[in-house]
Protein backbone atom coordinates (compact mmCIF):
# COMPACT_ATOMS: atom_id res chain seq x y z
CA MET A 1 -4.04 9.80 18.35
CA LEU A 2 -6.43 12.41 19.36
CA CYS A 3 -8.59 11.57 16.72
CA PHE A 4 -8.44 7.90 17.95
CA PHE A 5 -9.72 8.62 21.50
CA VAL A 6 -12.26 11.72 20.07
CA GLY A 7 -13.84 8.58 17.82
CA LEU A 8 -13.30 5.90 20.33
CA ARG A 9 -15.45 7.65 22.95
CA GLN A 10 -18.10 8.94 20.25
CA MET A 11 -18.70 5.40 19.64
CA LYS A 12 -18.89 4.43 23.41
CA ALA A 13 -21.22 7.16 24.52
CA ASN A 14 -23.59 5.88 21.58
CA LEU A 15 -23.32 2.23 22.54
CA ARG A 16 -26.02 2.15 25.08
CA LYS A 17 -28.57 2.61 21.96
CA VAL A 18 -27.22 -0.07 20.29
CA ASP A 19 -28.37 -3.83 20.01
CA CYS A 20 -25.93 -4.95 17.39
CA ILE A 21 -22.33 -4.04 16.15
CA LEU A 22 -21.48 -4.22 12.35
CA GLU A 23 -17.85 -4.53 12.00
CA ILE A 24 -17.05 -3.47 8.25
CA HIS A 25 -13.41 -4.78 7.04
CA ASP A 26 -11.40 -4.83 3.79
CA ALA A 27 -11.12 -8.24 2.54
CA ARG A 28 -7.85 -8.13 0.99
CA ILE A 29 -6.66 -7.87 4.40
CA PRO A 30 -9.35 -9.69 6.74
CA PHE A 31 -6.79 -9.58 9.77
CA THR A 32 -4.27 -6.66 8.99
CA GLY A 33 -5.59 -3.15 11.20
CA ARG A 34 -8.91 -4.42 12.87
CA ASN A 35 -8.71 -2.18 15.76
CA PRO A 36 -8.01 -4.18 19.36
CA ALA A 37 -9.52 -1.20 20.60
CA PHE A 38 -13.02 -2.24 19.20
CA GLN A 39 -13.49 -5.33 21.44
CA GLU A 40 -14.37 -4.08 24.51
CA SER A 41 -17.50 -2.99 22.62
CA LEU A 42 -18.05 -6.30 20.54
CA ASN A 43 -17.63 -8.36 23.61
CA VAL A 44 -20.63 -6.92 24.99
CA ARG A 45 -22.72 -6.82 21.89
CA PRO A 46 -24.31 -9.37 19.29
CA HIS A 47 -21.52 -8.91 16.58
CA LEU A 48 -21.52 -9.23 12.59
CA LEU A 49 -18.39 -8.80 10.78
CA LEU A 50 -18.71 -7.65 7.26
CA LEU A 51 -15.42 -8.11 4.91
CA ASN A 52 -16.34 -6.06 2.14
CA LYS A 53 -14.75 -5.51 -1.23
CA LEU A 54 -15.25 -8.90 -2.29
CA ASP A 55 -14.83 -8.42 -5.45
CA LEU A 56 -11.15 -7.58 -4.79
CA ALA A 57 -10.51 -10.03 -2.96
CA ASP A 58 -8.77 -13.75 -4.03
CA PRO A 59 -11.82 -16.09 -3.91
CA SER A 60 -9.88 -19.20 -2.95
CA SER A 61 -8.85 -17.28 0.37
CA LYS A 62 -12.12 -16.97 1.41
CA GLN A 63 -12.42 -20.62 3.43
CA ARG A 64 -9.13 -20.22 4.88
CA VAL A 65 -9.87 -16.81 6.61
CA LEU A 66 -13.09 -18.00 7.95
CA LYS A 67 -11.63 -20.66 9.33
CA GLU A 68 -8.86 -18.47 11.08
CA LEU A 69 -11.54 -16.06 12.34
CA GLU A 70 -13.62 -18.83 13.73
CA LYS A 71 -10.63 -19.72 15.69
CA SER A 72 -10.38 -16.57 17.20
CA GLY A 73 -14.02 -16.38 18.33
CA VAL A 74 -15.49 -14.78 15.01
CA SER A 75 -18.38 -16.81 13.86
CA ASN A 76 -20.79 -14.41 12.29
CA VAL A 77 -19.06 -13.29 8.50
CA LEU A 78 -20.35 -12.69 5.52
CA PHE A 79 -18.38 -11.41 2.31
CA THR A 80 -19.62 -8.52 0.43
CA ASN A 81 -19.38 -6.16 -1.92
CA CYS A 82 -21.86 -2.84 -1.09
CA LEU A 83 -21.27 -0.97 -4.27
CA ARG A 84 -22.80 -3.61 -6.62
CA GLN A 85 -26.23 -2.70 -7.15
CA THR A 86 -27.71 -6.19 -6.46
CA ASP A 87 -25.27 -8.22 -3.90
CA ASP A 88 -26.90 -11.53 -2.41
CA ASN A 89 -24.84 -11.37 0.83
CA VAL A 90 -26.13 -7.71 2.00
CA LYS A 91 -30.16 -8.93 1.55
CA LYS A 92 -28.71 -11.69 4.25
CA ILE A 93 -27.06 -8.59 6.44
CA VAL A 94 -31.13 -7.76 8.26
CA PRO A 95 -31.97 -11.64 8.64
CA MET A 96 -28.85 -12.40 10.62
CA VAL A 97 -29.04 -8.94 12.60
CA THR A 98 -32.48 -9.83 13.68
CA GLN A 99 -31.52 -13.22 14.10
CA LEU A 100 -28.78 -12.62 16.40
CA ILE A 101 -30.36 -9.56 18.51
CA GLU A 102 -33.60 -11.58 19.28
CA SER A 103 -31.25 -13.96 20.48
CA GLY A 104 -30.06 -12.57 22.78
CA PRO A 105 -30.34 -9.47 25.77
CA ARG A 106 -31.36 -5.91 24.84
CA TYR A 107 -30.30 -4.59 27.15
CA HIS A 108 -32.78 -2.59 29.01
CA ARG A 109 -34.22 -1.86 25.57
CA GLU A 110 -37.10 -4.24 25.37
CA GLU A 111 -39.98 -1.47 25.45
CA ASP A 112 -38.95 -0.27 22.32
CA THR A 113 -39.69 -1.67 19.16
CA HIS A 114 -37.08 -0.61 16.78
CA TYR A 115 -33.90 -2.17 16.62
CA CYS A 116 -29.71 -0.08 16.27
CA LEU A 117 -27.14 -0.92 14.80
CA MET A 118 -23.60 0.51 14.91
CA VAL A 119 -21.35 0.39 12.11
CA ILE A 120 -17.80 0.31 12.79
CA GLY A 121 -14.56 -0.23 11.29
CA VAL A 122 -10.97 1.56 9.71
CA PRO A 123 -10.95 4.34 7.80
CA ASN A 124 -12.03 3.46 3.74
CA VAL A 125 -12.99 0.20 4.11
CA GLY A 126 -16.64 0.96 2.87
CA LYS A 127 -18.91 2.13 5.87
CA SER A 128 -20.89 4.60 4.07
CA SER A 129 -21.17 2.26 0.88
CA LEU A 130 -22.77 -0.30 3.53
CA ILE A 131 -25.16 2.03 4.91
CA ASN A 132 -26.23 3.20 1.46
CA ALA A 133 -26.44 -0.51 0.04
CA LEU A 134 -28.41 -1.38 2.36
CA ARG A 135 -31.14 1.43 2.14
CA ARG A 136 -31.11 0.75 -1.43
CA THR A 137 -31.79 -3.19 -1.13
CA ASN A 138 -34.61 -2.48 1.73
CA LEU A 139 -36.48 0.66 1.58
CA LYS A 140 -35.65 0.97 -2.16
CA LYS A 141 -34.00 4.87 -1.71
CA GLY A 142 -30.63 6.13 -2.17
CA ARG A 143 -27.55 7.92 -0.38
CA ALA A 144 -28.02 8.78 2.77
CA SER A 145 -24.32 8.56 3.80
CA LYS A 146 -21.45 10.44 1.78
CA VAL A 147 -18.81 8.09 -0.18
CA GLY A 148 -15.15 8.56 -1.01
CA GLY A 149 -12.13 6.47 -2.12
CA GLU A 150 -10.19 8.12 0.15
CA PRO A 151 -9.98 7.29 4.21
CA GLY A 152 -11.71 10.14 6.23
CA ILE A 153 -15.24 11.15 4.39
CA THR A 154 -16.96 10.34 7.80
CA LYS A 155 -15.77 12.70 10.26
CA ALA A 156 -18.38 12.67 13.29
CA VAL A 157 -20.65 10.41 14.72
CA LEU A 158 -24.12 10.49 12.19
CA THR A 159 -27.46 10.95 13.56
CA LYS A 160 -29.24 7.07 12.86
CA ILE A 161 -30.26 6.35 9.71
CA GLN A 162 -33.21 4.16 8.99
CA VAL A 163 -32.12 1.35 6.52
CA CYS A 164 -35.41 -1.07 6.77
CA GLU A 165 -38.76 -0.68 7.44
CA ARG A 166 -39.92 -4.64 9.16
CA PRO A 167 -38.00 -4.68 11.07
CA ALA A 168 -37.28 -1.13 11.97
CA LEU A 169 -33.82 -0.81 11.42
CA PHE A 170 -31.23 1.96 12.04
CA LEU A 171 -27.55 2.30 11.58
CA VAL A 172 -25.43 4.94 13.78
CA ASP A 173 -22.40 5.57 11.71
CA THR A 174 -19.35 6.24 12.65
CA PRO A 175 -16.13 7.91 11.54
CA GLY A 176 -13.10 5.40 11.05
CA VAL A 177 -10.58 4.73 13.62
CA LEU A 178 -6.76 3.49 13.28
CA PRO A 179 -5.45 1.67 15.99
CA PRO A 180 -3.36 3.92 17.95
CA LYS A 181 -0.21 1.77 17.43
CA ILE A 182 0.60 0.17 14.06
CA GLU A 183 2.31 -3.14 15.12
CA SER A 184 5.16 -3.35 12.38
CA ILE A 185 6.19 -1.70 9.18
CA GLU A 186 4.31 -4.86 7.31
CA THR A 187 0.77 -3.57 9.07
CA GLY A 188 0.95 -0.34 8.23
CA MET A 189 2.21 -1.08 4.16
CA LYS A 190 -0.93 -3.33 4.01
CA LEU A 191 -3.16 -0.59 5.35
CA ALA A 192 -1.59 1.96 2.98
CA LEU A 193 -1.78 -0.34 -0.07
CA CYS A 194 -5.74 -0.90 0.15
CA GLY A 195 -5.82 3.00 1.13
CA THR A 196 -6.97 3.52 4.63
CA ILE A 197 -4.07 5.39 5.42
CA LEU A 198 -3.70 9.01 3.21
CA ASP A 199 -0.73 8.16 0.35
CA HIS A 200 1.21 10.70 0.63
CA LEU A 201 1.51 9.98 4.65
CA VAL A 202 3.39 6.99 3.55
CA GLY A 203 4.98 8.10 -0.51
CA GLU A 204 3.25 6.71 -3.37
CA ASP A 205 7.04 5.42 -4.47
CA ILE A 206 6.96 3.68 -1.14
CA ILE A 207 3.46 2.05 -1.43
CA ALA A 208 4.29 1.06 -5.15
CA ASP A 209 7.39 -0.57 -4.07
CA TYR A 210 5.68 -2.94 -1.51
CA LEU A 211 2.95 -3.36 -4.39
CA LEU A 212 5.23 -5.09 -6.44
CA TYR A 213 7.04 -6.98 -3.59
CA SER A 214 3.44 -8.31 -2.56
CA LEU A 215 2.50 -9.18 -6.39
CA ASN A 216 5.05 -11.51 -6.98
CA ARG A 217 5.69 -13.20 -3.75
CA LEU A 218 1.87 -14.32 -4.49
CA GLU A 219 2.59 -15.10 -7.98
CA LYS A 220 -0.13 -12.71 -9.11
CA PHE A 221 2.03 -11.28 -12.29
CA GLY A 222 -1.34 -9.72 -14.11
CA TYR A 223 0.50 -6.53 -14.15
CA VAL A 224 3.49 -7.84 -16.76
CA ASP A 225 1.01 -8.14 -19.39
CA GLN A 226 -0.99 -5.16 -17.97
CA TYR A 227 2.28 -2.96 -18.90
CA ASN A 228 3.74 -4.89 -21.67
CA LEU A 229 7.05 -5.77 -19.66
CA GLY A 230 7.50 -9.38 -20.91
CA GLU A 231 8.68 -10.66 -17.63
CA PRO A 232 8.37 -10.38 -13.38
CA SER A 233 10.63 -8.02 -12.39
CA ASP A 234 11.93 -7.29 -8.35
CA ASP A 235 13.13 -3.43 -9.64
CA ILE A 236 10.52 -0.79 -9.24
CA GLN A 237 12.08 1.67 -11.09
CA HIS A 238 12.50 -0.90 -14.23
CA VAL A 239 8.61 -1.73 -13.39
CA LEU A 240 7.98 2.10 -13.26
CA LYS A 241 9.77 3.18 -16.52
CA GLY A 242 7.47 0.53 -18.34
CA ILE A 243 4.32 1.16 -17.20
CA ALA A 244 5.49 5.01 -17.58
CA VAL A 245 6.39 4.12 -21.31
CA LYS A 246 3.43 2.43 -22.03
CA LEU A 247 0.93 5.08 -20.80
CA GLY A 248 2.92 8.18 -22.52
CA LYS A 249 4.12 9.65 -18.83
CA THR A 250 6.63 11.89 -19.81
CA GLN A 251 7.97 14.76 -17.63
CA ARG A 252 10.70 17.30 -19.19
CA VAL A 253 13.92 18.54 -16.70
CA LYS A 254 16.69 20.32 -16.83
CA ALA A 255 20.23 18.79 -16.94
CA ILE A 256 23.60 20.27 -16.12
CA THR A 257 26.20 19.10 -18.93
CA GLY A 258 28.92 20.09 -19.72
CA VAL A 259 28.39 22.55 -22.41
CA GLY A 260 25.49 23.58 -20.28
CA ASN A 261 21.76 23.39 -19.35
CA ILE A 262 19.53 21.30 -21.64
CA THR A 263 16.04 20.35 -21.11
CA ILE A 264 15.49 16.46 -21.44
CA THR A 265 12.15 14.09 -21.59
CA MET A 266 12.03 11.54 -18.55
CA PRO A 267 9.48 8.74 -17.80
CA ASN A 268 7.71 10.09 -14.96
CA TYR A 269 7.83 7.36 -12.26
CA THR A 270 5.67 9.72 -9.86
CA ALA A 271 2.74 9.37 -12.41
CA ALA A 272 3.50 5.60 -12.77
CA ALA A 273 3.50 4.69 -9.63
CA TYR A 274 0.43 6.44 -8.94
CA HIS A 275 -1.22 5.12 -12.02
CA PHE A 276 0.58 1.37 -10.38
CA ILE A 277 -1.63 1.37 -7.20
CA ARG A 278 -4.72 2.68 -8.44
CA ALA A 279 -4.85 -0.35 -10.65
CA PHE A 280 -4.64 -2.93 -7.86
CA ARG A 281 -7.30 -0.36 -6.23
CA ARG A 282 -9.64 -1.00 -8.76
CA GLY A 283 -8.72 -4.88 -9.53
CA ALA A 284 -6.77 -4.08 -12.88
CA LEU A 285 -3.95 -6.38 -11.50
CA GLY A 286 -6.03 -8.97 -10.63
CA ARG A 287 -7.67 -10.31 -7.41
CA VAL A 288 -5.28 -10.57 -4.28
CA THR A 289 -5.56 -11.22 -0.58
CA LEU A 290 -2.93 -9.26 2.03
CA ASP A 291 -3.39 -11.57 4.56
């Protein structure tokens, strides 16, 4: 809770220097987890929503997502894959941002010749990857912001980072900030499955169970062939056992019997859950949109 308010206060303190807000979110959960506390900021600045990790989301959901966002008043949307070396939609960001800024007031910053953007979003959706992609695309330069596969890599608001020369365009990175209250268990599980909450806070066994439920609900049965399971199953223990057997993940444990203690070899369910979750996150189980 404290981190939430500190992060939000940092963002508000920098808002007076900002011409446009780039909100970046995970394309697999385009509605879940978008922080309602950002709305005050979004309502007073031009706003571009980037739905990142497009390569992991179900392409058939794109038009439905755009229509629902438009109904809620969000019309400036781009789908991106910021880890891809050349992404056509990343190339569209600077022209779109320039048009948004120049078509509205600049909030008493007319004397400045450069534009300043703020990047916001919940943890681990690709904010730092976006900054690096913009620099790579427009400046032909490498990383300016640290990237990682876990939430919490960006710890504090950074100094301005240049991402374009013409026009002179700078970004202000911010720490990922989750809502102070996750509205439902379903919301929390989607956030956890997509890696915006640290796994150990929820439990990998629970996340794996929710993943299996989601894949079956959406009729995404790629996991069956991936792990040679034969057919879909609702039993997470059965699936994890199959994954452990497929991967050769076992562990030796002591068991008490009538003739004394013996050591037996069992499937390593924890290792299987770990592999199952990460296979989903890298797209090995198919492209899935959870919302």
